[in-house]
Amino acid sequence: MLRKTKWIITLLLGSVFSTYLHAEIVWVDVRSVAEHQVDSIDGDLRISHPQIVTEIAKLYPEKDTEIRLYCRSGFRASKAQSLLNDAGYVNVFNEGGIHDARKVRGIHPNNSKK
């Protein structure tokens, strides 16, 4: 009985931690198309801040999805963060400008589109 209990606990803990370790972080560039064409980070979404709630809700309906936003200086990212918070998203962060988003992730500018 004890062996079976240990096995069940191990299975449950593995399931919980596996979900936590593989949780996706969604990075979103809220700058304009023109800004994005000049400089962007490969693999990140580009959604203008006025459309942020509609587009994120389509792609990530779970309100606890971790979303990291950036723009040129952090101002539009702040607006987008407020909009997402108002829509019920609880795990949204403003990373500031694109250079800040690179820095926090350890991405060298040469690893991004130019």
N, C-alpha and C. Protein backbone atom coordinates (compact mmCIF):
# COMPACT_ATOMS: atom_id res chain seq x y z
N MET A 1 0.82 -1.20 0.00
CA MET A 1 0.00 0.00 0.00
C MET A 1 0.86 1.26 0.00
N LEU A 2 1.91 1.26 0.82
CA LEU A 2 2.80 2.42 0.90
C LEU A 2 3.49 2.67 -0.44
N ARG A 3 3.90 1.59 -1.09
CA ARG A 3 4.56 1.72 -2.39
C ARG A 3 3.61 2.35 -3.42
N LYS A 4 2.36 1.92 -3.42
CA LYS A 4 1.36 2.46 -4.35
C LYS A 4 1.11 3.94 -4.05
N THR A 5 1.04 4.31 -2.79
CA THR A 5 0.83 5.71 -2.40
C THR A 5 1.99 6.58 -2.87
N LYS A 6 3.23 6.10 -2.69
CA LYS A 6 4.41 6.85 -3.15
C LYS A 6 4.35 7.05 -4.67
N TRP A 7 3.94 6.00 -5.37
CA TRP A 7 3.87 6.07 -6.83
C TRP A 7 2.84 7.11 -7.27
N ILE A 8 1.70 7.13 -6.61
CA ILE A 8 0.64 8.09 -6.94
C ILE A 8 1.10 9.52 -6.64
N ILE A 9 1.75 9.72 -5.50
CA ILE A 9 2.26 11.05 -5.15
C ILE A 9 3.30 11.50 -6.16
N THR A 10 4.20 10.61 -6.54
CA THR A 10 5.23 10.94 -7.54
C THR A 10 4.59 11.32 -8.86
N LEU A 11 3.59 10.57 -9.27
CA LEU A 11 2.89 10.85 -10.52
C LEU A 11 2.20 12.21 -10.47
N LEU A 12 1.53 12.50 -9.38
CA LEU A 12 0.84 13.78 -9.24
C LEU A 12 1.82 14.95 -9.22
N LEU A 13 2.90 14.83 -8.45
CA LEU A 13 3.90 15.90 -8.40
C LEU A 13 4.55 16.10 -9.77
N GLY A 14 4.84 15.02 -10.46
CA GLY A 14 5.42 15.12 -11.79
C GLY A 14 4.49 15.86 -12.74
N SER A 15 3.22 15.57 -12.64
CA SER A 15 2.23 16.24 -13.49
C SER A 15 2.16 17.73 -13.19
N VAL A 16 2.13 18.08 -11.92
CA VAL A 16 2.05 19.48 -11.52
C VAL A 16 3.29 20.24 -11.96
N PHE A 17 4.47 19.71 -11.67
CA PHE A 17 5.70 20.42 -12.00
C PHE A 17 5.97 20.43 -13.49
N SER A 18 5.55 19.40 -14.20
CA SER A 18 5.72 19.38 -15.65
C SER A 18 4.92 20.50 -16.29
N THR A 19 3.72 20.71 -15.83
CA THR A 19 2.89 21.80 -16.33
C THR A 19 3.54 23.14 -16.04
N TYR A 20 4.04 23.30 -14.83
CA TYR A 20 4.68 24.55 -14.44
C TYR A 20 5.94 24.81 -15.26
N LEU A 21 6.76 23.80 -15.44
CA LEU A 21 8.03 23.98 -16.16
C LEU A 21 7.83 24.23 -17.64
N HIS A 22 6.74 23.75 -18.20
CA HIS A 22 6.50 23.91 -19.62
C HIS A 22 5.50 25.01 -19.94
N ALA A 23 5.18 25.82 -18.95
CA ALA A 23 4.24 26.92 -19.17
C ALA A 23 4.84 27.87 -20.21
N GLU A 24 4.03 28.24 -21.14
CA GLU A 24 4.48 29.11 -22.22
C GLU A 24 4.45 30.58 -21.78
N ILE A 25 5.51 31.28 -22.14
CA ILE A 25 5.53 32.73 -21.96
C ILE A 25 5.27 33.33 -23.33
N VAL A 26 4.26 34.16 -23.41
CA VAL A 26 3.89 34.80 -24.67
C VAL A 26 4.51 36.19 -24.70
N TRP A 27 5.36 36.44 -25.68
CA TRP A 27 5.99 37.75 -25.86
C TRP A 27 5.26 38.48 -26.97
N VAL A 28 4.85 39.73 -26.70
CA VAL A 28 4.08 40.50 -27.67
C VAL A 28 4.70 41.88 -27.86
N ASP A 29 5.00 42.18 -29.10
CA ASP A 29 5.47 43.50 -29.53
C ASP A 29 4.22 44.30 -29.89
N VAL A 30 3.96 45.39 -29.17
CA VAL A 30 2.75 46.17 -29.43
C VAL A 30 3.03 47.41 -30.28
N ARG A 31 4.20 47.43 -30.92
CA ARG A 31 4.53 48.57 -31.79
C ARG A 31 3.79 48.47 -33.12
N SER A 32 3.95 49.50 -33.94
CA SER A 32 3.30 49.54 -35.25
C SER A 32 3.98 48.56 -36.22
N VAL A 33 3.30 48.27 -37.31
CA VAL A 33 3.86 47.41 -38.36
C VAL A 33 5.16 48.01 -38.87
N ALA A 34 5.18 49.32 -39.11
CA ALA A 34 6.38 49.98 -39.63
C ALA A 34 7.56 49.82 -38.67
N GLU A 35 7.33 50.01 -37.38
CA GLU A 35 8.40 49.84 -36.39
C GLU A 35 8.89 48.39 -36.36
N HIS A 36 7.95 47.48 -36.45
CA HIS A 36 8.27 46.05 -36.41
C HIS A 36 9.12 45.64 -37.61
N GLN A 37 8.83 46.22 -38.77
CA GLN A 37 9.59 45.89 -39.97
C GLN A 37 11.04 46.35 -39.88
N VAL A 38 11.29 47.43 -39.17
CA VAL A 38 12.64 47.96 -39.02
C VAL A 38 13.45 47.11 -38.04
N ASP A 39 12.82 46.67 -36.95
CA ASP A 39 13.52 45.95 -35.89
C ASP A 39 12.52 45.10 -35.13
N SER A 40 12.79 43.82 -35.01
CA SER A 40 11.88 42.94 -34.27
C SER A 40 12.64 41.75 -33.71
N ILE A 41 11.98 41.02 -32.84
CA ILE A 41 12.54 39.82 -32.25
C ILE A 41 11.83 38.62 -32.86
N ASP A 42 12.61 37.75 -33.50
CA ASP A 42 12.04 36.57 -34.15
C ASP A 42 11.19 35.75 -33.19
N GLY A 43 10.03 35.34 -33.66
CA GLY A 43 9.16 34.46 -32.89
C GLY A 43 8.15 35.17 -32.01
N ASP A 44 8.31 36.46 -31.80
CA ASP A 44 7.36 37.19 -30.96
C ASP A 44 6.14 37.60 -31.77
N LEU A 45 4.99 37.65 -31.12
CA LEU A 45 3.78 38.15 -31.76
C LEU A 45 3.89 39.66 -31.94
N ARG A 46 3.21 40.19 -32.95
CA ARG A 46 3.10 41.63 -33.10
C ARG A 46 1.63 41.95 -33.17
N ILE A 47 1.15 42.63 -32.15
CA ILE A 47 -0.26 43.01 -32.07
C ILE A 47 -0.30 44.45 -31.58
N SER A 48 -0.89 45.33 -32.37
CA SER A 48 -1.03 46.73 -31.94
C SER A 48 -1.87 46.78 -30.67
N HIS A 49 -1.54 47.72 -29.79
CA HIS A 49 -2.23 47.74 -28.49
C HIS A 49 -3.74 47.91 -28.59
N PRO A 50 -4.30 48.63 -29.60
CA PRO A 50 -5.77 48.72 -29.65
C PRO A 50 -6.45 47.36 -29.91
N GLN A 51 -5.75 46.43 -30.55
CA GLN A 51 -6.33 45.11 -30.86
C GLN A 51 -5.90 44.03 -29.87
N ILE A 52 -5.17 44.39 -28.83
CA ILE A 52 -4.53 43.39 -27.97
C ILE A 52 -5.52 42.43 -27.32
N VAL A 53 -6.62 42.91 -26.79
CA VAL A 53 -7.55 42.03 -26.08
C VAL A 53 -8.20 41.05 -27.05
N THR A 54 -8.68 41.54 -28.17
CA THR A 54 -9.34 40.68 -29.16
C THR A 54 -8.42 39.57 -29.64
N GLU A 55 -7.20 39.94 -30.00
CA GLU A 55 -6.26 38.97 -30.57
C GLU A 55 -5.75 37.99 -29.51
N ILE A 56 -5.40 38.47 -28.34
CA ILE A 56 -4.92 37.58 -27.28
C ILE A 56 -6.03 36.62 -26.85
N ALA A 57 -7.27 37.10 -26.76
CA ALA A 57 -8.39 36.24 -26.37
C ALA A 57 -8.58 35.10 -27.37
N LYS A 58 -8.36 35.36 -28.65
CA LYS A 58 -8.46 34.30 -29.67
C LYS A 58 -7.37 33.26 -29.50
N LEU A 59 -6.15 33.72 -29.26
CA LEU A 59 -4.99 32.83 -29.20
C LEU A 59 -4.78 32.18 -27.84
N TYR A 60 -5.09 32.93 -26.78
CA TYR A 60 -4.83 32.48 -25.41
C TYR A 60 -6.02 32.81 -24.51
N PRO A 61 -7.07 32.00 -24.57
CA PRO A 61 -8.26 32.30 -23.77
C PRO A 61 -8.07 32.11 -22.26
N GLU A 62 -7.03 31.36 -21.86
CA GLU A 62 -6.78 31.15 -20.44
C GLU A 62 -6.28 32.45 -19.83
N LYS A 63 -6.96 32.94 -18.82
CA LYS A 63 -6.67 34.26 -18.24
C LYS A 63 -5.39 34.28 -17.40
N ASP A 64 -4.82 33.11 -17.11
CA ASP A 64 -3.57 33.09 -16.34
C ASP A 64 -2.33 32.90 -17.21
N THR A 65 -2.50 32.98 -18.53
CA THR A 65 -1.37 32.89 -19.45
C THR A 65 -0.37 34.00 -19.13
N GLU A 66 0.91 33.64 -19.09
CA GLU A 66 1.94 34.66 -18.84
C GLU A 66 2.21 35.41 -20.14
N ILE A 67 1.96 36.72 -20.10
CA ILE A 67 2.11 37.58 -21.28
C ILE A 67 3.09 38.69 -20.95
N ARG A 68 4.11 38.82 -21.79
CA ARG A 68 5.13 39.86 -21.62
C ARG A 68 5.02 40.80 -22.81
N LEU A 69 4.82 42.08 -22.52
CA LEU A 69 4.59 43.10 -23.54
C LEU A 69 5.77 44.05 -23.64
N TYR A 70 6.01 44.55 -24.85
CA TYR A 70 7.01 45.60 -25.03
C TYR A 70 6.66 46.44 -26.25
N CYS A 71 7.24 47.63 -26.32
CA CYS A 71 7.05 48.53 -27.45
C CYS A 71 8.36 49.26 -27.69
N ARG A 72 8.32 50.56 -27.88
CA ARG A 72 9.56 51.33 -28.05
C ARG A 72 10.08 51.82 -26.71
N SER A 73 9.16 52.33 -25.89
CA SER A 73 9.59 52.91 -24.61
C SER A 73 8.86 52.33 -23.40
N GLY A 74 7.81 51.56 -23.62
CA GLY A 74 7.01 51.01 -22.53
C GLY A 74 5.65 51.65 -22.37
N PHE A 75 5.41 52.78 -23.04
CA PHE A 75 4.14 53.50 -22.89
C PHE A 75 2.97 52.70 -23.48
N ARG A 76 3.11 52.27 -24.73
CA ARG A 76 2.03 51.48 -25.36
C ARG A 76 1.88 50.11 -24.69
N ALA A 77 2.99 49.56 -24.24
CA ALA A 77 2.92 48.28 -23.52
C ALA A 77 2.13 48.45 -22.22
N SER A 78 2.28 49.60 -21.58
CA SER A 78 1.52 49.89 -20.36
C SER A 78 0.03 49.98 -20.67
N LYS A 79 -0.32 50.63 -21.78
CA LYS A 79 -1.73 50.70 -22.18
C LYS A 79 -2.28 49.30 -22.45
N ALA A 80 -1.50 48.49 -23.18
CA ALA A 80 -1.93 47.13 -23.51
C ALA A 80 -2.08 46.29 -22.24
N GLN A 81 -1.17 46.47 -21.30
CA GLN A 81 -1.24 45.75 -20.03
C GLN A 81 -2.54 46.10 -19.29
N SER A 82 -2.88 47.37 -19.24
CA SER A 82 -4.13 47.79 -18.59
C SER A 82 -5.34 47.18 -19.27
N LEU A 83 -5.35 47.18 -20.60
CA LEU A 83 -6.47 46.60 -21.34
C LEU A 83 -6.62 45.11 -21.04
N LEU A 84 -5.50 44.39 -21.02
CA LEU A 84 -5.55 42.96 -20.73
C LEU A 84 -5.96 42.70 -19.28
N ASN A 85 -5.46 43.49 -18.36
CA ASN A 85 -5.87 43.36 -16.95
C ASN A 85 -7.37 43.59 -16.81
N ASP A 86 -7.89 44.62 -17.49
CA ASP A 86 -9.32 44.92 -17.45
C ASP A 86 -10.15 43.78 -18.04
N ALA A 87 -9.55 43.03 -18.98
CA ALA A 87 -10.24 41.89 -19.60
C ALA A 87 -10.11 40.62 -18.76
N GLY A 88 -9.41 40.72 -17.62
CA GLY A 88 -9.32 39.58 -16.71
C GLY A 88 -8.00 38.82 -16.74
N TYR A 89 -7.07 39.22 -17.59
CA TYR A 89 -5.76 38.55 -17.62
C TYR A 89 -4.98 38.97 -16.39
N VAL A 90 -4.41 37.99 -15.68
CA VAL A 90 -3.82 38.26 -14.38
C VAL A 90 -2.30 38.12 -14.33
N ASN A 91 -1.70 37.71 -15.42
CA ASN A 91 -0.27 37.43 -15.43
C ASN A 91 0.39 38.19 -16.58
N VAL A 92 0.19 39.50 -16.61
CA VAL A 92 0.65 40.35 -17.72
C VAL A 92 1.73 41.30 -17.20
N PHE A 93 2.82 41.41 -17.96
CA PHE A 93 3.95 42.23 -17.54
C PHE A 93 4.38 43.18 -18.64
N ASN A 94 4.72 44.40 -18.27
CA ASN A 94 5.26 45.40 -19.19
C ASN A 94 6.77 45.33 -19.08
N GLU A 95 7.43 44.89 -20.15
CA GLU A 95 8.89 44.77 -20.14
C GLU A 95 9.58 46.03 -20.63
N GLY A 96 8.82 47.07 -20.97
CA GLY A 96 9.42 48.33 -21.43
C GLY A 96 9.60 48.35 -22.93
N GLY A 97 10.78 48.74 -23.38
CA GLY A 97 11.07 48.83 -24.81
C GLY A 97 11.64 47.53 -25.36
N ILE A 98 11.79 47.50 -26.68
CA ILE A 98 12.32 46.30 -27.34
C ILE A 98 13.72 45.96 -26.85
N HIS A 99 14.53 46.96 -26.57
CA HIS A 99 15.89 46.70 -26.08
C HIS A 99 15.84 46.06 -24.69
N ASP A 100 14.87 46.49 -23.87
CA ASP A 100 14.68 45.89 -22.55
C ASP A 100 14.25 44.43 -22.68
N ALA A 101 13.35 44.16 -23.64
CA ALA A 101 12.86 42.79 -23.87
C ALA A 101 14.01 41.88 -24.29
N ARG A 102 14.91 42.41 -25.11
CA ARG A 102 16.08 41.62 -25.50
C ARG A 102 16.98 41.35 -24.29
N LYS A 103 17.22 42.40 -23.53
CA LYS A 103 18.15 42.30 -22.40
C LYS A 103 17.67 41.29 -21.37
N VAL A 104 16.40 41.36 -20.99
CA VAL A 104 15.86 40.46 -19.97
C VAL A 104 15.90 39.00 -20.43
N ARG A 105 15.91 38.77 -21.74
CA ARG A 105 15.93 37.42 -22.28
C ARG A 105 17.32 36.99 -22.72
N GLY A 106 18.28 37.89 -22.63
CA GLY A 106 19.64 37.56 -23.05
C GLY A 106 19.79 37.40 -24.55
N ILE A 107 18.98 38.14 -25.31
CA ILE A 107 19.03 38.08 -26.77
C ILE A 107 19.92 39.19 -27.28
N HIS A 108 20.90 38.82 -28.07
CA HIS A 108 21.78 39.81 -28.70
C HIS A 108 21.03 40.41 -29.89
N PRO A 109 21.18 41.71 -30.15
CA PRO A 109 20.48 42.34 -31.28
C PRO A 109 20.69 41.64 -32.62
N ASN A 110 21.82 40.97 -32.80
CA ASN A 110 22.07 40.27 -34.07
C ASN A 110 21.21 39.03 -34.23
N ASN A 111 20.57 38.57 -33.16
CA ASN A 111 19.69 37.42 -33.23
C ASN A 111 18.24 37.82 -33.52
N SER A 112 18.06 39.05 -33.91
CA SER A 112 16.73 39.57 -34.22
C SER A 112 16.71 40.04 -35.66
N LYS A 113 15.51 40.21 -36.19
CA LYS A 113 15.37 40.76 -37.54
C LYS A 113 15.83 42.20 -37.57
N LYS A 114 16.37 42.60 -38.66
CA LYS A 114 16.76 44.01 -38.83
C LYS A 114 16.10 44.54 -40.07
